[in-house]
Amino acid sequence: MPIMTVLAFEIAATIRHDGQGGVADGLATGELTGAWIRANAPLVEQVLGGPRGFDASVIAVDDEVRERLVGVRRAVRSLFARAVSPAPPSKADAGRLLDPVTAVRMLNEAADGLGGAHLEWPDEGEPVVRWTGGASEPVGLLLGAVGRSGIDFLASPERLRLRACPAARCVKYFLQDDPRQTWCSPSCGNRERVNRHYQRKHAG
């Protein structure tokens, strides 16, 4: 997966199975949200092309910050669901999908915080893309990076490999590595085979 698109998958993965038949939200509280931001700060900086004033440690995660990040996540997951159509979306998204026009608008608005992309190519070194203009405060840069990562993924050929895992207790999106791959992981595939065997054995 291109490095610029990893952040979009990390925000999508904050919705996950809780191990007890339900769904856990990795952004459910300010504390969890702050931990996620700090853990993913290196990915944010990769999208930004460098720190650019982004410092995860100074972000005070209040309800507004958390809700803004959750909103961008909802847009990303709604567009992931559109990308896997006509197959069913993740079970966690079935009842909370944004309409595509709203989801696209929200993702674009988040990405607008980065301003524009400029090429830098020092005499000694490799060419790099850096974002100029736009937000200068950490929250705007964070949301912009998540939005840009989602856009880069959805506009790339990688989108065609996106799948929603159909396992009964899984809510993940994943990239299909092989046309025969059905599940996000061997453990999901094994669990589903065991479940189906059990159901056939005890049917009727």
N, C-alpha and C. Protein backbone atom coordinates (compact mmCIF):
# COMPACT_ATOMS: atom_id res chain seq x y z
N MET A 1 0.85 -1.19 0.00
CA MET A 1 0.00 0.00 0.00
C MET A 1 0.90 1.25 0.00
N PRO A 2 0.66 2.22 -0.90
CA PRO A 2 1.44 3.44 -0.88
C PRO A 2 1.38 4.11 0.49
N ILE A 3 2.53 4.63 0.95
CA ILE A 3 2.63 5.15 2.31
C ILE A 3 1.63 6.27 2.57
N MET A 4 1.31 7.06 1.55
CA MET A 4 0.40 8.19 1.75
C MET A 4 -1.02 7.74 2.07
N THR A 5 -1.35 6.50 1.73
CA THR A 5 -2.73 6.05 1.92
C THR A 5 -2.93 5.27 3.22
N VAL A 6 -1.85 4.95 3.93
CA VAL A 6 -1.96 4.13 5.13
C VAL A 6 -2.81 4.81 6.20
N LEU A 7 -2.68 6.13 6.31
CA LEU A 7 -3.41 6.86 7.35
C LEU A 7 -4.92 6.68 7.21
N ALA A 8 -5.42 6.63 5.98
CA ALA A 8 -6.86 6.42 5.76
C ALA A 8 -7.30 5.07 6.32
N PHE A 9 -6.47 4.05 6.15
CA PHE A 9 -6.81 2.73 6.69
C PHE A 9 -6.73 2.71 8.21
N GLU A 10 -5.79 3.46 8.76
CA GLU A 10 -5.68 3.52 10.22
C GLU A 10 -6.90 4.18 10.84
N ILE A 11 -7.42 5.24 10.22
CA ILE A 11 -8.62 5.88 10.77
C ILE A 11 -9.83 4.96 10.60
N ALA A 12 -9.91 4.25 9.46
CA ALA A 12 -11.02 3.32 9.25
C ALA A 12 -10.98 2.19 10.27
N ALA A 13 -9.77 1.77 10.64
CA ALA A 13 -9.60 0.63 11.55
C ALA A 13 -9.90 0.97 13.01
N THR A 14 -10.24 2.22 13.30
CA THR A 14 -10.63 2.55 14.68
C THR A 14 -12.03 2.00 14.99
N ILE A 15 -12.75 1.55 13.97
CA ILE A 15 -13.97 0.77 14.17
C ILE A 15 -13.56 -0.69 14.02
N ARG A 16 -13.73 -1.48 15.05
CA ARG A 16 -13.26 -2.87 15.00
C ARG A 16 -14.17 -3.75 15.86
N HIS A 17 -14.01 -5.04 15.70
CA HIS A 17 -14.76 -6.00 16.49
C HIS A 17 -14.23 -5.98 17.92
N ASP A 18 -15.12 -6.07 18.89
CA ASP A 18 -14.69 -5.96 20.29
C ASP A 18 -14.36 -7.30 20.93
N GLY A 19 -14.47 -8.40 20.15
CA GLY A 19 -14.17 -9.72 20.69
C GLY A 19 -15.34 -10.37 21.40
N GLN A 20 -16.47 -9.65 21.51
CA GLN A 20 -17.63 -10.18 22.22
C GLN A 20 -18.90 -10.08 21.37
N GLY A 21 -18.72 -9.98 20.07
CA GLY A 21 -19.88 -9.91 19.19
C GLY A 21 -20.34 -8.51 18.87
N GLY A 22 -19.67 -7.51 19.43
CA GLY A 22 -20.05 -6.13 19.18
C GLY A 22 -18.97 -5.35 18.47
N VAL A 23 -19.11 -4.04 18.46
CA VAL A 23 -18.16 -3.16 17.77
C VAL A 23 -17.53 -2.22 18.78
N ALA A 24 -16.21 -2.10 18.70
CA ALA A 24 -15.47 -1.17 19.55
C ALA A 24 -15.07 0.05 18.73
N ASP A 25 -15.08 1.20 19.38
CA ASP A 25 -14.74 2.46 18.71
C ASP A 25 -13.46 3.00 19.32
N GLY A 26 -12.39 3.03 18.53
CA GLY A 26 -11.11 3.52 19.01
C GLY A 26 -11.05 5.01 19.20
N LEU A 27 -12.13 5.72 18.84
CA LEU A 27 -12.22 7.17 19.06
C LEU A 27 -13.39 7.50 19.98
N ALA A 28 -13.80 6.56 20.80
CA ALA A 28 -15.01 6.74 21.62
C ALA A 28 -14.86 7.81 22.68
N THR A 29 -13.66 8.06 23.14
CA THR A 29 -13.42 9.05 24.19
C THR A 29 -12.27 9.96 23.78
N GLY A 30 -12.15 11.06 24.50
CA GLY A 30 -11.03 11.95 24.25
C GLY A 30 -9.70 11.28 24.51
N GLU A 31 -9.64 10.46 25.53
CA GLU A 31 -8.39 9.76 25.86
C GLU A 31 -7.99 8.80 24.75
N LEU A 32 -8.95 8.01 24.26
CA LEU A 32 -8.66 7.09 23.16
C LEU A 32 -8.26 7.85 21.90
N THR A 33 -8.95 8.94 21.64
CA THR A 33 -8.64 9.73 20.45
C THR A 33 -7.24 10.31 20.52
N GLY A 34 -6.88 10.83 21.70
CA GLY A 34 -5.54 11.37 21.88
C GLY A 34 -4.47 10.31 21.67
N ALA A 35 -4.73 9.11 22.18
CA ALA A 35 -3.77 8.02 22.02
C ALA A 35 -3.62 7.65 20.54
N TRP A 36 -4.74 7.64 19.80
CA TRP A 36 -4.67 7.33 18.38
C TRP A 36 -3.88 8.39 17.63
N ILE A 37 -4.11 9.65 17.95
CA ILE A 37 -3.39 10.75 17.28
C ILE A 37 -1.89 10.63 17.52
N ARG A 38 -1.51 10.37 18.76
CA ARG A 38 -0.08 10.26 19.07
C ARG A 38 0.54 9.05 18.38
N ALA A 39 -0.18 7.94 18.36
CA ALA A 39 0.35 6.73 17.73
C ALA A 39 0.53 6.90 16.22
N ASN A 40 -0.31 7.72 15.61
CA ASN A 40 -0.27 7.87 14.16
C ASN A 40 0.39 9.17 13.70
N ALA A 41 1.02 9.88 14.62
CA ALA A 41 1.70 11.12 14.28
C ALA A 41 2.73 10.93 13.15
N PRO A 42 3.51 9.83 13.14
CA PRO A 42 4.46 9.65 12.03
C PRO A 42 3.78 9.55 10.67
N LEU A 43 2.60 8.91 10.62
CA LEU A 43 1.87 8.81 9.35
C LEU A 43 1.35 10.18 8.92
N VAL A 44 0.89 10.98 9.89
CA VAL A 44 0.44 12.34 9.57
C VAL A 44 1.59 13.12 8.95
N GLU A 45 2.76 13.02 9.56
CA GLU A 45 3.92 13.76 9.05
C GLU A 45 4.33 13.28 7.67
N GLN A 46 4.16 12.00 7.38
CA GLN A 46 4.49 11.49 6.05
C GLN A 46 3.57 12.09 5.00
N VAL A 47 2.29 12.24 5.34
CA VAL A 47 1.35 12.87 4.40
C VAL A 47 1.71 14.34 4.22
N LEU A 48 2.09 14.99 5.30
CA LEU A 48 2.43 16.41 5.25
C LEU A 48 3.76 16.67 4.56
N GLY A 49 4.60 15.65 4.42
CA GLY A 49 5.93 15.85 3.85
C GLY A 49 6.91 16.39 4.86
N GLY A 50 6.60 16.20 6.14
CA GLY A 50 7.45 16.71 7.22
C GLY A 50 6.57 17.23 8.33
N PRO A 51 7.16 17.62 9.47
CA PRO A 51 6.34 18.07 10.61
C PRO A 51 5.42 19.24 10.30
N ARG A 52 5.91 20.24 9.57
CA ARG A 52 5.11 21.40 9.16
C ARG A 52 4.34 22.04 10.31
N GLY A 53 4.86 21.95 11.50
CA GLY A 53 4.16 22.53 12.65
C GLY A 53 3.21 21.56 13.32
N PHE A 54 3.13 20.33 12.83
CA PHE A 54 2.25 19.37 13.47
C PHE A 54 2.95 18.76 14.67
N ASP A 55 2.30 18.86 15.83
CA ASP A 55 2.84 18.30 17.06
C ASP A 55 1.67 17.66 17.81
N ALA A 56 1.62 16.34 17.76
CA ALA A 56 0.50 15.62 18.38
C ALA A 56 0.41 15.88 19.87
N SER A 57 1.54 16.14 20.51
CA SER A 57 1.55 16.28 21.97
C SER A 57 0.85 17.55 22.45
N VAL A 58 0.65 18.53 21.57
CA VAL A 58 0.02 19.78 22.01
C VAL A 58 -1.48 19.80 21.72
N ILE A 59 -2.00 18.75 21.08
CA ILE A 59 -3.43 18.73 20.77
C ILE A 59 -4.22 18.33 22.01
N ALA A 60 -5.06 19.25 22.46
CA ALA A 60 -5.96 18.96 23.58
C ALA A 60 -7.25 18.41 22.99
N VAL A 61 -7.50 17.14 23.20
CA VAL A 61 -8.66 16.50 22.56
C VAL A 61 -9.91 16.74 23.39
N ASP A 62 -10.69 17.73 22.97
CA ASP A 62 -11.98 17.97 23.59
C ASP A 62 -13.06 17.35 22.70
N ASP A 63 -14.32 17.57 23.06
CA ASP A 63 -15.41 16.96 22.28
C ASP A 63 -15.41 17.43 20.83
N GLU A 64 -15.08 18.71 20.62
CA GLU A 64 -15.10 19.24 19.25
C GLU A 64 -14.04 18.56 18.38
N VAL A 65 -12.83 18.43 18.89
CA VAL A 65 -11.76 17.79 18.13
C VAL A 65 -12.13 16.34 17.82
N ARG A 66 -12.62 15.64 18.85
CA ARG A 66 -12.99 14.24 18.65
C ARG A 66 -14.09 14.11 17.61
N GLU A 67 -15.11 14.96 17.70
CA GLU A 67 -16.23 14.88 16.76
C GLU A 67 -15.80 15.21 15.33
N ARG A 68 -14.86 16.14 15.18
CA ARG A 68 -14.37 16.46 13.83
C ARG A 68 -13.63 15.28 13.23
N LEU A 69 -12.81 14.61 14.04
CA LEU A 69 -12.07 13.45 13.55
C LEU A 69 -13.02 12.29 13.25
N VAL A 70 -14.01 12.09 14.11
CA VAL A 70 -15.02 11.05 13.88
C VAL A 70 -15.78 11.34 12.58
N GLY A 71 -16.06 12.61 12.31
CA GLY A 71 -16.76 12.98 11.08
C GLY A 71 -15.96 12.61 9.84
N VAL A 72 -14.65 12.87 9.87
CA VAL A 72 -13.81 12.51 8.72
C VAL A 72 -13.74 10.99 8.58
N ARG A 73 -13.66 10.29 9.72
CA ARG A 73 -13.67 8.82 9.67
C ARG A 73 -14.96 8.32 9.03
N ARG A 74 -16.08 8.90 9.39
CA ARG A 74 -17.36 8.45 8.83
C ARG A 74 -17.37 8.66 7.32
N ALA A 75 -16.81 9.79 6.86
CA ALA A 75 -16.72 10.03 5.43
C ALA A 75 -15.85 8.99 4.75
N VAL A 76 -14.69 8.69 5.34
CA VAL A 76 -13.78 7.70 4.77
C VAL A 76 -14.47 6.34 4.67
N ARG A 77 -15.10 5.90 5.76
CA ARG A 77 -15.72 4.58 5.76
C ARG A 77 -16.94 4.54 4.83
N SER A 78 -17.65 5.65 4.70
CA SER A 78 -18.78 5.70 3.77
C SER A 78 -18.30 5.54 2.33
N LEU A 79 -17.16 6.15 2.01
CA LEU A 79 -16.62 6.03 0.66
C LEU A 79 -15.95 4.69 0.43
N PHE A 80 -15.41 4.08 1.49
CA PHE A 80 -14.93 2.70 1.38
C PHE A 80 -16.11 1.79 1.04
N ALA A 81 -17.24 2.03 1.69
CA ALA A 81 -18.44 1.22 1.42
C ALA A 81 -18.88 1.38 -0.03
N ARG A 82 -18.80 2.60 -0.53
CA ARG A 82 -19.15 2.83 -1.94
C ARG A 82 -18.17 2.09 -2.85
N ALA A 83 -16.90 2.08 -2.46
CA ALA A 83 -15.87 1.46 -3.30
C ALA A 83 -16.06 -0.05 -3.42
N VAL A 84 -16.58 -0.70 -2.38
CA VAL A 84 -16.75 -2.16 -2.43
C VAL A 84 -18.10 -2.56 -3.05
N SER A 85 -18.98 -1.60 -3.27
CA SER A 85 -20.29 -1.88 -3.88
C SER A 85 -20.09 -2.50 -5.27
N PRO A 86 -20.94 -3.48 -5.65
CA PRO A 86 -22.22 -3.86 -5.06
C PRO A 86 -22.13 -4.87 -3.93
N ALA A 87 -20.91 -5.26 -3.53
CA ALA A 87 -20.80 -6.13 -2.36
C ALA A 87 -21.24 -5.36 -1.12
N PRO A 88 -21.70 -6.05 -0.08
CA PRO A 88 -22.13 -5.36 1.13
C PRO A 88 -20.97 -4.63 1.79
N PRO A 89 -21.24 -3.49 2.45
CA PRO A 89 -20.19 -2.79 3.19
C PRO A 89 -19.88 -3.52 4.48
N SER A 90 -18.93 -3.01 5.23
CA SER A 90 -18.68 -3.53 6.56
C SER A 90 -19.97 -3.49 7.37
N LYS A 91 -20.18 -4.53 8.17
CA LYS A 91 -21.39 -4.60 8.99
C LYS A 91 -21.51 -3.41 9.93
N ALA A 92 -20.38 -2.84 10.33
CA ALA A 92 -20.42 -1.70 11.24
C ALA A 92 -20.96 -0.45 10.56
N ASP A 93 -20.94 -0.41 9.23
CA ASP A 93 -21.33 0.79 8.50
C ASP A 93 -22.75 0.74 7.96
N ALA A 94 -23.35 -0.44 7.94
CA ALA A 94 -24.61 -0.63 7.22
C ALA A 94 -25.68 0.41 7.58
N GLY A 95 -25.75 0.79 8.86
CA GLY A 95 -26.80 1.71 9.27
C GLY A 95 -26.36 3.14 9.48
N ARG A 96 -25.11 3.46 9.13
CA ARG A 96 -24.62 4.81 9.42
C ARG A 96 -23.86 5.45 8.27
N LEU A 97 -24.13 4.99 7.06
CA LEU A 97 -23.43 5.52 5.90
C LEU A 97 -23.93 6.91 5.52
N LEU A 98 -23.00 7.78 5.19
CA LEU A 98 -23.33 9.07 4.61
C LEU A 98 -23.64 8.87 3.13
N ASP A 99 -24.47 9.74 2.58
CA ASP A 99 -24.66 9.65 1.13
C ASP A 99 -23.35 10.08 0.47
N PRO A 100 -23.04 9.54 -0.72
CA PRO A 100 -21.74 9.78 -1.34
C PRO A 100 -21.41 11.26 -1.54
N VAL A 101 -22.38 12.08 -1.90
CA VAL A 101 -22.11 13.50 -2.13
C VAL A 101 -21.64 14.17 -0.83
N THR A 102 -22.31 13.86 0.27
CA THR A 102 -21.92 14.43 1.56
C THR A 102 -20.56 13.93 1.98
N ALA A 103 -20.31 12.64 1.80
CA ALA A 103 -19.02 12.06 2.20
C ALA A 103 -17.87 12.67 1.41
N VAL A 104 -18.06 12.83 0.10
CA VAL A 104 -17.02 13.45 -0.73
C VAL A 104 -16.77 14.89 -0.29
N ARG A 105 -17.85 15.63 -0.03
CA ARG A 105 -17.69 17.02 0.40
C ARG A 105 -16.91 17.11 1.70
N MET A 106 -17.24 16.24 2.66
CA MET A 106 -16.57 16.26 3.95
C MET A 106 -15.09 15.92 3.83
N LEU A 107 -14.77 14.94 2.98
CA LEU A 107 -13.37 14.55 2.79
C LEU A 107 -12.60 15.68 2.11
N ASN A 108 -13.20 16.32 1.12
CA ASN A 108 -12.55 17.44 0.45
C ASN A 108 -12.34 18.62 1.40
N GLU A 109 -13.33 18.89 2.23
CA GLU A 109 -13.20 20.01 3.17
C GLU A 109 -12.07 19.76 4.16
N ALA A 110 -11.95 18.51 4.61
CA ALA A 110 -10.85 18.18 5.52
C ALA A 110 -9.51 18.38 4.83
N ALA A 111 -9.39 17.86 3.59
CA ALA A 111 -8.13 17.95 2.85
C ALA A 111 -7.78 19.38 2.49
N ASP A 112 -8.78 20.25 2.36
CA ASP A 112 -8.52 21.66 2.03
C ASP A 112 -7.64 22.33 3.07
N GLY A 113 -7.64 21.76 4.29
CA GLY A 113 -6.81 22.34 5.34
C GLY A 113 -5.32 22.29 5.05
N LEU A 114 -4.92 21.45 4.08
CA LEU A 114 -3.50 21.34 3.76
C LEU A 114 -3.03 22.37 2.76
N GLY A 115 -3.93 23.07 2.09
CA GLY A 115 -3.49 23.99 1.05
C GLY A 115 -3.13 23.22 -0.21
N GLY A 116 -2.00 23.60 -0.83
CA GLY A 116 -1.62 22.98 -2.10
C GLY A 116 -0.33 22.20 -2.00
N ALA A 117 -0.10 21.34 -2.99
CA ALA A 117 1.10 20.51 -3.03
C ALA A 117 2.17 21.21 -3.87
N HIS A 118 3.37 21.33 -3.30
CA HIS A 118 4.50 21.91 -4.01
C HIS A 118 5.65 20.90 -4.04
N LEU A 119 6.38 20.91 -5.13
CA LEU A 119 7.54 20.04 -5.25
C LEU A 119 8.77 20.75 -4.72
N GLU A 120 9.56 20.05 -3.92
CA GLU A 120 10.86 20.53 -3.48
C GLU A 120 11.91 19.50 -3.89
N TRP A 121 13.00 19.99 -4.48
CA TRP A 121 14.05 19.08 -4.94
C TRP A 121 15.41 19.72 -4.66
N PRO A 122 15.95 19.45 -3.48
CA PRO A 122 17.23 20.04 -3.12
C PRO A 122 18.37 19.55 -4.01
N ASP A 123 19.44 20.35 -4.09
CA ASP A 123 20.60 19.97 -4.91
C ASP A 123 21.13 18.60 -4.51
N GLU A 124 21.15 18.37 -3.22
CA GLU A 124 21.62 17.08 -2.71
C GLU A 124 20.43 16.35 -2.10
N GLY A 125 19.81 15.49 -2.84
CA GLY A 125 18.68 14.75 -2.28
C GLY A 125 17.63 14.42 -3.31
N GLU A 126 16.58 13.80 -2.82
CA GLU A 126 15.49 13.35 -3.67
C GLU A 126 14.36 14.37 -3.70
N PRO A 127 13.56 14.39 -4.78
CA PRO A 127 12.41 15.29 -4.81
C PRO A 127 11.36 14.86 -3.80
N VAL A 128 10.73 15.81 -3.15
CA VAL A 128 9.67 15.53 -2.19
C VAL A 128 8.52 16.48 -2.42
N VAL A 129 7.32 16.07 -2.02
CA VAL A 129 6.14 16.92 -2.09
C VAL A 129 5.87 17.47 -0.69
N ARG A 130 5.71 18.76 -0.58
CA ARG A 130 5.35 19.39 0.70
C ARG A 130 4.09 20.22 0.48
N TRP A 131 3.26 20.24 1.52
CA TRP A 131 2.01 20.98 1.44
C TRP A 131 2.22 22.38 1.97
N THR A 132 1.78 23.36 1.22
CA THR A 132 1.97 24.76 1.61
C THR A 132 0.62 25.46 1.68
N GLY A 133 0.56 26.46 2.53
CA GLY A 133 -0.70 27.18 2.72
C GLY A 133 -1.63 26.38 3.61
N GLY A 134 -2.87 26.79 3.68
CA GLY A 134 -3.84 26.05 4.48
C GLY A 134 -3.60 26.21 5.97
N ALA A 135 -3.99 25.21 6.71
CA ALA A 135 -3.94 25.27 8.18
C ALA A 135 -2.51 25.32 8.68
N SER A 136 -2.34 25.97 9.81
CA SER A 136 -1.03 26.00 10.46
C SER A 136 -1.11 25.44 11.86
N GLU A 137 -2.32 25.16 12.34
CA GLU A 137 -2.46 24.61 13.69
C GLU A 137 -2.62 23.10 13.60
N PRO A 138 -2.20 22.38 14.64
CA PRO A 138 -2.11 20.92 14.58
C PRO A 138 -3.40 20.20 14.21
N VAL A 139 -4.56 20.63 14.74
CA VAL A 139 -5.80 19.91 14.45
C VAL A 139 -6.15 20.02 12.97
N GLY A 140 -6.01 21.21 12.39
CA GLY A 140 -6.28 21.37 10.97
C GLY A 140 -5.35 20.53 10.11
N LEU A 141 -4.08 20.45 10.52
CA LEU A 141 -3.13 19.62 9.79
C LEU A 141 -3.47 18.14 9.91
N LEU A 142 -3.89 17.73 11.10
CA LEU A 142 -4.29 16.34 11.32
C LEU A 142 -5.46 15.96 10.42
N LEU A 143 -6.53 16.77 10.46
CA LEU A 143 -7.71 16.47 9.65
C LEU A 143 -7.38 16.54 8.17
N GLY A 144 -6.54 17.50 7.79
CA GLY A 144 -6.14 17.62 6.40
C GLY A 144 -5.38 16.39 5.92
N ALA A 145 -4.50 15.89 6.78
CA ALA A 145 -3.71 14.71 6.41
C ALA A 145 -4.60 13.48 6.25
N VAL A 146 -5.57 13.31 7.17
CA VAL A 146 -6.48 12.17 7.06
C VAL A 146 -7.31 12.29 5.78
N GLY A 147 -7.82 13.49 5.51
CA GLY A 147 -8.60 13.71 4.30
C GLY A 147 -7.80 13.46 3.04
N ARG A 148 -6.56 13.99 3.00
CA ARG A 148 -5.71 13.79 1.83
C ARG A 148 -5.38 12.32 1.63
N SER A 149 -5.13 11.60 2.71
CA SER A 149 -4.81 10.18 2.62
C SER A 149 -5.99 9.41 2.02
N GLY A 150 -7.20 9.75 2.47
CA GLY A 150 -8.39 9.10 1.92
C GLY A 150 -8.57 9.39 0.44
N ILE A 151 -8.35 10.64 0.06
CA ILE A 151 -8.48 11.02 -1.35
C ILE A 151 -7.46 10.28 -2.20
N ASP A 152 -6.21 10.25 -1.73
CA ASP A 152 -5.15 9.58 -2.49
C ASP A 152 -5.48 8.10 -2.70
N PHE A 153 -6.02 7.47 -1.66
CA PHE A 153 -6.37 6.06 -1.81
C PHE A 153 -7.53 5.87 -2.78
N LEU A 154 -8.60 6.63 -2.58
CA LEU A 154 -9.81 6.42 -3.38
C LEU A 154 -9.60 6.77 -4.85
N ALA A 155 -8.63 7.63 -5.14
CA ALA A 155 -8.35 8.00 -6.52
C ALA A 155 -7.27 7.12 -7.15
N SER A 156 -6.81 6.12 -6.41
CA SER A 156 -5.72 5.27 -6.90
C SER A 156 -6.26 3.93 -7.39
N PRO A 157 -5.47 3.20 -8.17
CA PRO A 157 -5.89 1.86 -8.61
C PRO A 157 -6.08 0.88 -7.45
N GLU A 158 -5.47 1.20 -6.30
CA GLU A 158 -5.60 0.33 -5.13
C GLU A 158 -7.05 0.18 -4.69
N ARG A 159 -7.87 1.19 -4.99
CA ARG A 159 -9.29 1.16 -4.61
C ARG A 159 -9.98 -0.10 -5.11
N LEU A 160 -9.56 -0.59 -6.28
CA LEU A 160 -10.21 -1.76 -6.89
C LEU A 160 -9.94 -3.03 -6.11
N ARG A 161 -8.95 -3.01 -5.22
CA ARG A 161 -8.64 -4.19 -4.40
C ARG A 161 -9.32 -4.14 -3.03
N LEU A 162 -10.06 -3.05 -2.76
CA LEU A 162 -10.69 -2.90 -1.45
C LEU A 162 -11.85 -3.87 -1.28
N ARG A 163 -11.92 -4.51 -0.13
CA ARG A 163 -13.00 -5.44 0.19
C ARG A 163 -13.43 -5.22 1.64
N ALA A 164 -14.68 -5.57 1.93
CA ALA A 164 -15.17 -5.62 3.31
C ALA A 164 -15.17 -7.08 3.73
N CYS A 165 -14.52 -7.39 4.83
CA CYS A 165 -14.46 -8.79 5.27
C CYS A 165 -15.87 -9.28 5.61
N PRO A 166 -16.31 -10.41 5.02
CA PRO A 166 -17.67 -10.91 5.26
C PRO A 166 -17.79 -11.80 6.49
N ALA A 167 -16.71 -11.99 7.25
CA ALA A 167 -16.77 -12.84 8.44
C ALA A 167 -17.80 -12.28 9.41
N ALA A 168 -18.51 -13.17 10.07
CA ALA A 168 -19.64 -12.77 10.91
C ALA A 168 -19.25 -11.77 11.99
N ARG A 169 -18.06 -11.89 12.56
CA ARG A 169 -17.68 -11.02 13.67
C ARG A 169 -16.59 -10.01 13.28
N CYS A 170 -16.47 -9.71 11.99
CA CYS A 170 -15.43 -8.79 11.54
C CYS A 170 -16.06 -7.55 10.91
N VAL A 171 -15.44 -6.42 11.08
CA VAL A 171 -15.94 -5.16 10.50
C VAL A 171 -14.84 -4.45 9.72
N LYS A 172 -13.79 -5.20 9.34
CA LYS A 172 -12.64 -4.58 8.69
C LYS A 172 -12.83 -4.43 7.18
N TYR A 173 -12.18 -3.38 6.65
CA TYR A 173 -11.92 -3.27 5.23
C TYR A 173 -10.48 -3.71 5.01
N PHE A 174 -10.21 -4.35 3.87
CA PHE A 174 -8.85 -4.81 3.60
C PHE A 174 -8.59 -4.76 2.11
N LEU A 175 -7.30 -4.86 1.73
CA LEU A 175 -6.92 -4.91 0.33
C LEU A 175 -6.71 -6.37 -0.06
N GLN A 176 -7.41 -6.78 -1.08
CA GLN A 176 -7.33 -8.17 -1.54
C GLN A 176 -6.00 -8.39 -2.27
N ASP A 177 -5.20 -9.33 -1.77
CA ASP A 177 -3.90 -9.62 -2.37
C ASP A 177 -3.97 -10.65 -3.49
N ASP A 178 -5.04 -11.43 -3.49
CA ASP A 178 -5.19 -12.52 -4.46
C ASP A 178 -6.67 -12.62 -4.81
N PRO A 179 -7.02 -12.87 -6.07
CA PRO A 179 -8.45 -12.95 -6.45
C PRO A 179 -9.24 -13.97 -5.64
N ARG A 180 -8.55 -14.97 -5.09
CA ARG A 180 -9.24 -16.01 -4.31
C ARG A 180 -9.39 -15.63 -2.84
N GLN A 181 -8.78 -14.52 -2.44
CA GLN A 181 -8.85 -14.12 -1.04
C GLN A 181 -10.24 -13.58 -0.70
N THR A 182 -10.86 -14.18 0.29
CA THR A 182 -12.21 -13.78 0.70
C THR A 182 -12.20 -13.02 2.02
N TRP A 183 -11.30 -13.43 2.93
CA TRP A 183 -11.30 -12.88 4.28
C TRP A 183 -10.13 -11.92 4.48
N CYS A 184 -10.23 -11.08 5.49
CA CYS A 184 -9.15 -10.13 5.75
C CYS A 184 -7.91 -10.81 6.31
N SER A 185 -8.10 -11.97 6.94
CA SER A 185 -6.98 -12.67 7.57
C SER A 185 -7.29 -14.16 7.64
N PRO A 186 -6.26 -15.00 7.78
CA PRO A 186 -6.50 -16.44 7.94
C PRO A 186 -7.37 -16.75 9.16
N SER A 187 -7.23 -15.97 10.23
CA SER A 187 -8.03 -16.27 11.42
C SER A 187 -9.51 -16.07 11.15
N CYS A 188 -9.87 -15.04 10.37
CA CYS A 188 -11.28 -14.86 10.02
C CYS A 188 -11.78 -16.01 9.15
N GLY A 189 -10.95 -16.43 8.19
CA GLY A 189 -11.34 -17.55 7.33
C GLY A 189 -11.53 -18.83 8.12
N ASN A 190 -10.61 -19.11 9.03
CA ASN A 190 -10.72 -20.32 9.85
C ASN A 190 -11.95 -20.29 10.73
N ARG A 191 -12.22 -19.13 11.34
CA ARG A 191 -13.38 -19.00 12.21
C ARG A 191 -14.68 -19.22 11.43
N GLU A 192 -14.75 -18.66 10.23
CA GLU A 192 -15.95 -18.82 9.41
C GLU A 192 -16.14 -20.28 8.99
N ARG A 193 -15.05 -20.95 8.64
CA ARG A 193 -15.18 -22.37 8.26
C ARG A 193 -15.66 -23.22 9.42
N VAL A 194 -15.15 -22.91 10.62
CA VAL A 194 -15.59 -23.63 11.82
C VAL A 194 -17.07 -23.36 12.08
N ASN A 195 -17.48 -22.07 11.95
CA ASN A 195 -18.88 -21.71 12.18
C ASN A 195 -19.82 -22.41 11.20
N ARG A 196 -19.41 -22.46 9.93
CA ARG A 196 -20.25 -23.09 8.92
C ARG A 196 -20.34 -24.60 9.14
N HIS A 197 -19.24 -25.20 9.52
CA HIS A 197 -19.25 -26.64 9.82
C HIS A 197 -20.18 -26.92 11.00
N TYR A 198 -20.11 -26.08 12.02
CA TYR A 198 -20.96 -26.25 13.21
C TYR A 198 -22.44 -26.11 12.82
N GLN A 199 -22.75 -25.10 11.99
CA GLN A 199 -24.14 -24.88 11.60
C GLN A 199 -24.67 -26.03 10.77
N ARG A 200 -23.85 -26.55 9.85
CA ARG A 200 -24.30 -27.69 9.05
C ARG A 200 -24.53 -28.93 9.92
N LYS A 201 -23.63 -29.13 10.87
CA LYS A 201 -23.71 -30.30 11.75
C LYS A 201 -24.93 -30.26 12.63
N HIS A 202 -25.32 -29.06 13.06
CA HIS A 202 -26.44 -28.95 13.99
C HIS A 202 -27.73 -28.44 13.32
N ALA A 203 -27.72 -28.37 12.02
CA ALA A 203 -28.94 -27.93 11.33
C ALA A 203 -30.03 -28.97 11.49
N GLY A 204 -31.21 -28.49 11.73
CA GLY A 204 -32.36 -29.40 11.84
C GLY A 204 -32.31 -30.18 13.11
